Amino acid sequence: MPPRLKKLLSYWRIQEMGGLVYLIPAIGLVGLAYALFLAARVRKADPGTERMQEISGHIHEGALAFLTSEYKILAIFVAVFFLVIGFAISWPTAVCFIVGALFSVLAGFLGMTVATRANVRTANAARTSGMNKSRKVKEIKSFI
């Protein structure tokens, strides 16, 4: 291991964690791959009639507008706590807090996108194929 990397890892106390440093991100990547697989299955389902798609588009637009306004308020909280954590604990911990917050925002937007897109597909599956198929689409949406 290069000396600079070793110094950085020891600064962040990562070496004390042993194999968890590699195991935890690997599990996260497997979870992301599975979520992408499920999102692709939702995307392949028939979105329904033109009118259903239009209504779904409005719902999607409103949901993203809600998230955007919510995250603008949350950004103030995150910025304040970034500074508090940086001065009170350590700056690497504060950076980890920011990275976690950014991934949380990303997960919120991606989850809302999949959920609003899956809703119209669930409604269309119930309309055309009955409740059994619509339950499958809804279960995928609920997992993501």
N, C-alpha and C. Protein backbone atom coordinates (compact mmCIF):
# COMPACT_ATOMS: atom_id res chain seq x y z
N MET A 1 0.85 -1.18 0.00
CA MET A 1 0.00 0.00 0.00
C MET A 1 0.90 1.25 0.00
N PRO A 2 0.60 2.21 -0.88
CA PRO A 2 1.41 3.44 -0.92
C PRO A 2 1.37 4.17 0.42
N PRO A 3 2.49 4.81 0.81
CA PRO A 3 2.55 5.48 2.11
C PRO A 3 1.50 6.59 2.28
N ARG A 4 1.20 7.34 1.20
CA ARG A 4 0.20 8.42 1.31
C ARG A 4 -1.19 7.85 1.61
N LEU A 5 -1.53 6.76 0.92
CA LEU A 5 -2.83 6.12 1.15
C LEU A 5 -2.89 5.55 2.56
N LYS A 6 -1.80 4.94 3.00
CA LYS A 6 -1.75 4.38 4.35
C LYS A 6 -1.94 5.48 5.40
N LYS A 7 -1.32 6.64 5.16
CA LYS A 7 -1.45 7.76 6.10
C LYS A 7 -2.90 8.26 6.12
N LEU A 8 -3.52 8.38 4.94
CA LEU A 8 -4.90 8.83 4.86
C LEU A 8 -5.84 7.85 5.56
N LEU A 9 -5.64 6.56 5.30
CA LEU A 9 -6.48 5.55 5.93
C LEU A 9 -6.32 5.54 7.45
N SER A 10 -5.08 5.73 7.92
CA SER A 10 -4.88 5.75 9.37
C SER A 10 -5.49 7.02 9.97
N TYR A 11 -5.47 8.12 9.22
CA TYR A 11 -6.09 9.35 9.71
C TYR A 11 -7.59 9.15 9.89
N TRP A 12 -8.19 8.46 8.98
CA TRP A 12 -9.63 8.22 9.07
C TRP A 12 -9.95 6.97 9.87
N ARG A 13 -8.92 6.31 10.43
CA ARG A 13 -9.04 5.11 11.27
C ARG A 13 -9.71 3.96 10.52
N ILE A 14 -9.45 3.88 9.25
CA ILE A 14 -10.09 2.83 8.45
C ILE A 14 -9.40 1.48 8.66
N GLN A 15 -8.12 1.50 8.92
CA GLN A 15 -7.40 0.24 9.08
C GLN A 15 -7.92 -0.57 10.26
N GLU A 16 -8.44 0.11 11.28
CA GLU A 16 -8.97 -0.58 12.45
C GLU A 16 -10.20 -1.40 12.11
N MET A 17 -10.85 -1.11 10.99
CA MET A 17 -12.11 -1.76 10.64
C MET A 17 -11.89 -3.08 9.89
N GLY A 18 -10.67 -3.36 9.48
CA GLY A 18 -10.37 -4.62 8.82
C GLY A 18 -11.08 -4.76 7.48
N GLY A 19 -11.65 -5.95 7.25
CA GLY A 19 -12.29 -6.24 5.98
C GLY A 19 -13.61 -5.53 5.75
N LEU A 20 -14.17 -4.90 6.79
CA LEU A 20 -15.44 -4.19 6.62
C LEU A 20 -15.32 -3.03 5.64
N VAL A 21 -14.12 -2.50 5.51
CA VAL A 21 -13.90 -1.39 4.58
C VAL A 21 -14.25 -1.80 3.16
N TYR A 22 -14.04 -3.06 2.83
CA TYR A 22 -14.34 -3.54 1.49
C TYR A 22 -15.71 -4.22 1.41
N LEU A 23 -16.10 -4.87 2.49
CA LEU A 23 -17.36 -5.61 2.49
C LEU A 23 -18.58 -4.68 2.41
N ILE A 24 -18.59 -3.62 3.18
CA ILE A 24 -19.75 -2.73 3.23
C ILE A 24 -20.01 -2.06 1.89
N PRO A 25 -19.00 -1.47 1.22
CA PRO A 25 -19.28 -0.91 -0.11
C PRO A 25 -19.70 -1.97 -1.13
N ALA A 26 -19.14 -3.18 -1.01
CA ALA A 26 -19.52 -4.25 -1.93
C ALA A 26 -21.00 -4.60 -1.76
N ILE A 27 -21.46 -4.69 -0.54
CA ILE A 27 -22.87 -4.98 -0.29
C ILE A 27 -23.74 -3.84 -0.83
N GLY A 28 -23.27 -2.60 -0.64
CA GLY A 28 -24.00 -1.46 -1.19
C GLY A 28 -24.11 -1.52 -2.70
N LEU A 29 -23.03 -1.92 -3.37
CA LEU A 29 -23.05 -2.03 -4.83
C LEU A 29 -23.99 -3.13 -5.29
N VAL A 30 -24.03 -4.23 -4.57
CA VAL A 30 -24.97 -5.31 -4.92
C VAL A 30 -26.41 -4.81 -4.77
N GLY A 31 -26.68 -4.07 -3.70
CA GLY A 31 -28.01 -3.51 -3.50
C GLY A 31 -28.39 -2.53 -4.60
N LEU A 32 -27.44 -1.68 -5.01
CA LEU A 32 -27.70 -0.75 -6.11
C LEU A 32 -27.97 -1.49 -7.42
N ALA A 33 -27.20 -2.53 -7.68
CA ALA A 33 -27.41 -3.30 -8.91
C ALA A 33 -28.80 -3.94 -8.92
N TYR A 34 -29.22 -4.46 -7.78
CA TYR A 34 -30.55 -5.07 -7.69
C TYR A 34 -31.64 -4.02 -7.86
N ALA A 35 -31.46 -2.85 -7.26
CA ALA A 35 -32.44 -1.77 -7.42
C ALA A 35 -32.54 -1.33 -8.88
N LEU A 36 -31.39 -1.24 -9.57
CA LEU A 36 -31.41 -0.89 -11.00
C LEU A 36 -32.12 -1.96 -11.82
N PHE A 37 -31.91 -3.22 -11.48
CA PHE A 37 -32.59 -4.33 -12.15
C PHE A 37 -34.11 -4.20 -11.98
N LEU A 38 -34.54 -3.93 -10.75
CA LEU A 38 -35.98 -3.78 -10.50
C LEU A 38 -36.55 -2.54 -11.19
N ALA A 39 -35.79 -1.45 -11.19
CA ALA A 39 -36.26 -0.24 -11.87
C ALA A 39 -36.42 -0.49 -13.36
N ALA A 40 -35.51 -1.28 -13.94
CA ALA A 40 -35.62 -1.61 -15.37
C ALA A 40 -36.86 -2.45 -15.63
N ARG A 41 -37.19 -3.35 -14.71
CA ARG A 41 -38.42 -4.15 -14.87
C ARG A 41 -39.66 -3.26 -14.82
N VAL A 42 -39.65 -2.28 -13.94
CA VAL A 42 -40.78 -1.35 -13.86
C VAL A 42 -40.88 -0.56 -15.16
N ARG A 43 -39.75 -0.10 -15.66
CA ARG A 43 -39.73 0.73 -16.87
C ARG A 43 -40.24 -0.05 -18.08
N LYS A 44 -40.05 -1.37 -18.09
CA LYS A 44 -40.50 -2.18 -19.23
C LYS A 44 -42.02 -2.38 -19.25
N ALA A 45 -42.65 -2.22 -18.11
CA ALA A 45 -44.11 -2.42 -18.05
C ALA A 45 -44.82 -1.34 -18.87
N ASP A 46 -45.97 -1.69 -19.39
CA ASP A 46 -46.76 -0.77 -20.22
C ASP A 46 -47.27 0.41 -19.39
N PRO A 47 -46.97 1.65 -19.82
CA PRO A 47 -47.40 2.82 -19.04
C PRO A 47 -48.86 3.20 -19.23
N GLY A 48 -49.58 2.51 -20.05
CA GLY A 48 -51.00 2.78 -20.18
C GLY A 48 -51.35 3.74 -21.31
N THR A 49 -52.55 4.25 -21.24
CA THR A 49 -53.06 5.13 -22.29
C THR A 49 -52.36 6.47 -22.27
N GLU A 50 -52.59 7.25 -23.31
CA GLU A 50 -52.00 8.58 -23.38
C GLU A 50 -52.46 9.46 -22.21
N ARG A 51 -53.72 9.37 -21.89
CA ARG A 51 -54.27 10.17 -20.77
C ARG A 51 -53.63 9.76 -19.45
N MET A 52 -53.46 8.44 -19.24
CA MET A 52 -52.82 7.96 -18.02
C MET A 52 -51.39 8.48 -17.93
N GLN A 53 -50.68 8.47 -19.05
CA GLN A 53 -49.31 8.96 -19.07
C GLN A 53 -49.24 10.46 -18.79
N GLU A 54 -50.21 11.19 -19.31
CA GLU A 54 -50.26 12.63 -19.07
C GLU A 54 -50.46 12.93 -17.59
N ILE A 55 -51.41 12.24 -16.97
CA ILE A 55 -51.67 12.43 -15.54
C ILE A 55 -50.43 12.03 -14.74
N SER A 56 -49.82 10.92 -15.13
CA SER A 56 -48.61 10.46 -14.45
C SER A 56 -47.49 11.49 -14.55
N GLY A 57 -47.37 12.12 -15.69
CA GLY A 57 -46.35 13.15 -15.87
C GLY A 57 -46.57 14.33 -14.94
N HIS A 58 -47.84 14.73 -14.75
CA HIS A 58 -48.15 15.82 -13.83
C HIS A 58 -47.84 15.43 -12.39
N ILE A 59 -48.17 14.20 -12.03
CA ILE A 59 -47.87 13.72 -10.67
C ILE A 59 -46.36 13.68 -10.46
N HIS A 60 -45.64 13.19 -11.44
CA HIS A 60 -44.17 13.13 -11.36
C HIS A 60 -43.58 14.53 -11.20
N GLU A 61 -44.05 15.45 -11.99
CA GLU A 61 -43.56 16.83 -11.93
C GLU A 61 -43.83 17.45 -10.55
N GLY A 62 -45.01 17.23 -10.02
CA GLY A 62 -45.35 17.75 -8.70
C GLY A 62 -44.52 17.11 -7.59
N ALA A 63 -44.28 15.82 -7.71
CA ALA A 63 -43.47 15.13 -6.70
C ALA A 63 -42.04 15.65 -6.69
N LEU A 64 -41.47 15.85 -7.87
CA LEU A 64 -40.11 16.38 -7.93
C LEU A 64 -40.04 17.83 -7.45
N ALA A 65 -41.08 18.60 -7.73
CA ALA A 65 -41.12 19.98 -7.22
C ALA A 65 -41.17 19.98 -5.70
N PHE A 66 -41.94 19.07 -5.12
CA PHE A 66 -42.00 18.94 -3.66
C PHE A 66 -40.62 18.59 -3.09
N LEU A 67 -39.97 17.59 -3.69
CA LEU A 67 -38.64 17.21 -3.20
C LEU A 67 -37.64 18.35 -3.30
N THR A 68 -37.69 19.08 -4.40
CA THR A 68 -36.77 20.20 -4.58
C THR A 68 -36.97 21.25 -3.50
N SER A 69 -38.21 21.60 -3.21
CA SER A 69 -38.45 22.61 -2.17
C SER A 69 -38.06 22.06 -0.79
N GLU A 70 -38.31 20.80 -0.55
CA GLU A 70 -37.94 20.19 0.73
C GLU A 70 -36.42 20.18 0.91
N TYR A 71 -35.70 19.85 -0.16
CA TYR A 71 -34.24 19.76 -0.06
C TYR A 71 -33.59 21.14 0.05
N LYS A 72 -34.25 22.18 -0.44
CA LYS A 72 -33.71 23.54 -0.27
C LYS A 72 -33.69 23.91 1.21
N ILE A 73 -34.74 23.55 1.92
CA ILE A 73 -34.80 23.81 3.36
C ILE A 73 -33.80 22.92 4.09
N LEU A 74 -33.72 21.66 3.68
CA LEU A 74 -32.81 20.72 4.31
C LEU A 74 -31.35 21.12 4.12
N ALA A 75 -31.03 21.80 3.03
CA ALA A 75 -29.66 22.22 2.75
C ALA A 75 -29.13 23.14 3.85
N ILE A 76 -29.98 23.97 4.41
CA ILE A 76 -29.57 24.86 5.50
C ILE A 76 -29.17 24.03 6.72
N PHE A 77 -30.01 23.07 7.06
CA PHE A 77 -29.72 22.18 8.18
C PHE A 77 -28.41 21.43 7.96
N VAL A 78 -28.21 20.90 6.76
CA VAL A 78 -27.00 20.13 6.44
C VAL A 78 -25.77 21.03 6.54
N ALA A 79 -25.85 22.25 6.04
CA ALA A 79 -24.70 23.16 6.09
C ALA A 79 -24.34 23.50 7.53
N VAL A 80 -25.33 23.77 8.36
CA VAL A 80 -25.06 24.10 9.77
C VAL A 80 -24.42 22.91 10.48
N PHE A 81 -24.99 21.73 10.29
CA PHE A 81 -24.44 20.56 10.96
C PHE A 81 -23.08 20.16 10.40
N PHE A 82 -22.82 20.44 9.14
CA PHE A 82 -21.49 20.21 8.58
C PHE A 82 -20.45 21.00 9.38
N LEU A 83 -20.75 22.26 9.62
CA LEU A 83 -19.83 23.11 10.38
C LEU A 83 -19.72 22.65 11.83
N VAL A 84 -20.84 22.33 12.45
CA VAL A 84 -20.82 21.86 13.84
C VAL A 84 -20.00 20.58 13.96
N ILE A 85 -20.25 19.63 13.08
CA ILE A 85 -19.50 18.36 13.13
C ILE A 85 -18.02 18.61 12.85
N GLY A 86 -17.74 19.48 11.87
CA GLY A 86 -16.34 19.77 11.54
C GLY A 86 -15.56 20.35 12.69
N PHE A 87 -16.15 21.32 13.39
CA PHE A 87 -15.45 21.95 14.51
C PHE A 87 -15.49 21.09 15.77
N ALA A 88 -16.59 20.38 16.01
CA ALA A 88 -16.75 19.62 17.26
C ALA A 88 -16.10 18.24 17.21
N ILE A 89 -16.14 17.59 16.07
CA ILE A 89 -15.63 16.22 15.99
C ILE A 89 -14.36 16.19 15.13
N SER A 90 -14.55 16.24 13.81
CA SER A 90 -13.41 16.29 12.89
C SER A 90 -13.93 16.61 11.50
N TRP A 91 -13.04 17.14 10.67
CA TRP A 91 -13.44 17.49 9.31
C TRP A 91 -13.68 16.27 8.43
N PRO A 92 -12.92 15.18 8.58
CA PRO A 92 -13.27 13.99 7.80
C PRO A 92 -14.67 13.47 8.12
N THR A 93 -15.07 13.54 9.38
CA THR A 93 -16.42 13.13 9.76
C THR A 93 -17.45 14.05 9.13
N ALA A 94 -17.15 15.35 9.10
CA ALA A 94 -18.06 16.31 8.49
C ALA A 94 -18.20 16.05 6.99
N VAL A 95 -17.10 15.71 6.34
CA VAL A 95 -17.15 15.38 4.90
C VAL A 95 -17.99 14.14 4.68
N CYS A 96 -17.84 13.15 5.54
CA CYS A 96 -18.67 11.94 5.44
C CYS A 96 -20.15 12.28 5.62
N PHE A 97 -20.44 13.20 6.51
CA PHE A 97 -21.82 13.65 6.71
C PHE A 97 -22.37 14.26 5.43
N ILE A 98 -21.59 15.12 4.78
CA ILE A 98 -22.02 15.76 3.52
C ILE A 98 -22.23 14.71 2.44
N VAL A 99 -21.29 13.77 2.32
CA VAL A 99 -21.42 12.72 1.31
C VAL A 99 -22.69 11.90 1.56
N GLY A 100 -22.96 11.58 2.82
CA GLY A 100 -24.18 10.85 3.15
C GLY A 100 -25.43 11.63 2.81
N ALA A 101 -25.40 12.93 3.08
CA ALA A 101 -26.55 13.78 2.76
C ALA A 101 -26.78 13.83 1.25
N LEU A 102 -25.70 13.94 0.49
CA LEU A 102 -25.83 13.99 -0.97
C LEU A 102 -26.38 12.68 -1.53
N PHE A 103 -25.91 11.56 -1.00
CA PHE A 103 -26.45 10.27 -1.44
C PHE A 103 -27.90 10.10 -1.02
N SER A 104 -28.27 10.66 0.11
CA SER A 104 -29.66 10.62 0.54
C SER A 104 -30.55 11.40 -0.41
N VAL A 105 -30.08 12.57 -0.84
CA VAL A 105 -30.83 13.37 -1.82
C VAL A 105 -30.97 12.59 -3.13
N LEU A 106 -29.88 11.99 -3.57
CA LEU A 106 -29.91 11.20 -4.81
C LEU A 106 -30.90 10.05 -4.69
N ALA A 107 -30.86 9.35 -3.56
CA ALA A 107 -31.79 8.23 -3.35
C ALA A 107 -33.23 8.73 -3.32
N GLY A 108 -33.46 9.90 -2.74
CA GLY A 108 -34.81 10.46 -2.71
C GLY A 108 -35.35 10.74 -4.09
N PHE A 109 -34.52 11.38 -4.92
CA PHE A 109 -34.95 11.70 -6.28
C PHE A 109 -35.15 10.44 -7.12
N LEU A 110 -34.21 9.50 -7.02
CA LEU A 110 -34.35 8.27 -7.81
C LEU A 110 -35.55 7.45 -7.33
N GLY A 111 -35.73 7.36 -6.02
CA GLY A 111 -36.87 6.62 -5.49
C GLY A 111 -38.20 7.24 -5.89
N MET A 112 -38.27 8.57 -5.83
CA MET A 112 -39.51 9.25 -6.22
C MET A 112 -39.78 9.06 -7.72
N THR A 113 -38.73 9.10 -8.52
CA THR A 113 -38.90 8.89 -9.96
C THR A 113 -39.44 7.51 -10.25
N VAL A 114 -38.83 6.49 -9.64
CA VAL A 114 -39.31 5.12 -9.87
C VAL A 114 -40.73 4.95 -9.33
N ALA A 115 -41.00 5.51 -8.17
CA ALA A 115 -42.34 5.35 -7.57
C ALA A 115 -43.42 6.00 -8.42
N THR A 116 -43.17 7.23 -8.90
CA THR A 116 -44.21 7.90 -9.69
C THR A 116 -44.36 7.24 -11.06
N ARG A 117 -43.29 6.73 -11.60
CA ARG A 117 -43.39 6.02 -12.89
C ARG A 117 -44.07 4.67 -12.71
N ALA A 118 -43.86 4.03 -11.58
CA ALA A 118 -44.47 2.71 -11.35
C ALA A 118 -45.96 2.82 -11.07
N ASN A 119 -46.40 3.94 -10.50
CA ASN A 119 -47.82 4.07 -10.18
C ASN A 119 -48.71 3.92 -11.40
N VAL A 120 -48.35 4.57 -12.49
CA VAL A 120 -49.18 4.48 -13.70
C VAL A 120 -49.11 3.07 -14.29
N ARG A 121 -47.98 2.44 -14.16
CA ARG A 121 -47.86 1.08 -14.68
C ARG A 121 -48.68 0.10 -13.82
N THR A 122 -48.73 0.33 -12.53
CA THR A 122 -49.56 -0.50 -11.65
C THR A 122 -51.03 -0.33 -12.00
N ALA A 123 -51.44 0.92 -12.19
CA ALA A 123 -52.84 1.19 -12.55
C ALA A 123 -53.18 0.55 -13.89
N ASN A 124 -52.27 0.64 -14.85
CA ASN A 124 -52.53 0.05 -16.16
C ASN A 124 -52.56 -1.48 -16.08
N ALA A 125 -51.67 -2.06 -15.28
CA ALA A 125 -51.67 -3.52 -15.13
C ALA A 125 -52.98 -3.99 -14.50
N ALA A 126 -53.50 -3.24 -13.54
CA ALA A 126 -54.79 -3.60 -12.93
C ALA A 126 -55.92 -3.45 -13.94
N ARG A 127 -55.82 -2.41 -14.79
CA ARG A 127 -56.87 -2.16 -15.79
C ARG A 127 -56.89 -3.24 -16.86
N THR A 128 -55.71 -3.69 -17.31
CA THR A 128 -55.66 -4.62 -18.43
C THR A 128 -55.54 -6.08 -18.03
N SER A 129 -54.83 -6.38 -16.95
CA SER A 129 -54.54 -7.78 -16.63
C SER A 129 -55.07 -8.25 -15.29
N GLY A 130 -55.67 -7.37 -14.54
CA GLY A 130 -56.20 -7.77 -13.24
C GLY A 130 -55.22 -7.47 -12.11
N MET A 131 -55.62 -7.85 -10.93
CA MET A 131 -54.88 -7.48 -9.73
C MET A 131 -53.57 -8.23 -9.55
N ASN A 132 -53.46 -9.47 -10.05
CA ASN A 132 -52.23 -10.24 -9.83
C ASN A 132 -51.02 -9.56 -10.45
N LYS A 133 -51.15 -9.14 -11.70
CA LYS A 133 -50.03 -8.49 -12.36
C LYS A 133 -49.74 -7.12 -11.73
N SER A 134 -50.78 -6.40 -11.34
CA SER A 134 -50.56 -5.09 -10.74
C SER A 134 -49.86 -5.23 -9.39
N ARG A 135 -50.13 -6.30 -8.67
CA ARG A 135 -49.44 -6.52 -7.40
C ARG A 135 -47.95 -6.73 -7.62
N LYS A 136 -47.58 -7.42 -8.70
CA LYS A 136 -46.16 -7.64 -8.97
C LYS A 136 -45.45 -6.31 -9.23
N VAL A 137 -46.04 -5.43 -10.01
CA VAL A 137 -45.44 -4.12 -10.27
C VAL A 137 -45.36 -3.32 -8.99
N LYS A 138 -46.42 -3.38 -8.18
CA LYS A 138 -46.44 -2.63 -6.93
C LYS A 138 -45.40 -3.16 -5.95
N GLU A 139 -45.20 -4.47 -5.90
CA GLU A 139 -44.19 -5.05 -5.00
C GLU A 139 -42.80 -4.58 -5.40
N ILE A 140 -42.53 -4.50 -6.68
CA ILE A 140 -41.22 -4.01 -7.14
C ILE A 140 -41.04 -2.56 -6.72
N LYS A 141 -42.07 -1.76 -6.93
CA LYS A 141 -42.01 -0.34 -6.56
C LYS A 141 -41.80 -0.19 -5.06
N SER A 142 -42.48 -1.01 -4.28
CA SER A 142 -42.37 -0.91 -2.83
C SER A 142 -40.98 -1.29 -2.36
N PHE A 143 -40.36 -2.25 -3.01
CA PHE A 143 -39.01 -2.66 -2.61
C PHE A 143 -38.01 -1.55 -2.85
N ILE A 144 -38.16 -0.89 -4.01
CA ILE A 144 -37.21 0.18 -4.34
C ILE A 144 -37.48 1.35 -3.45
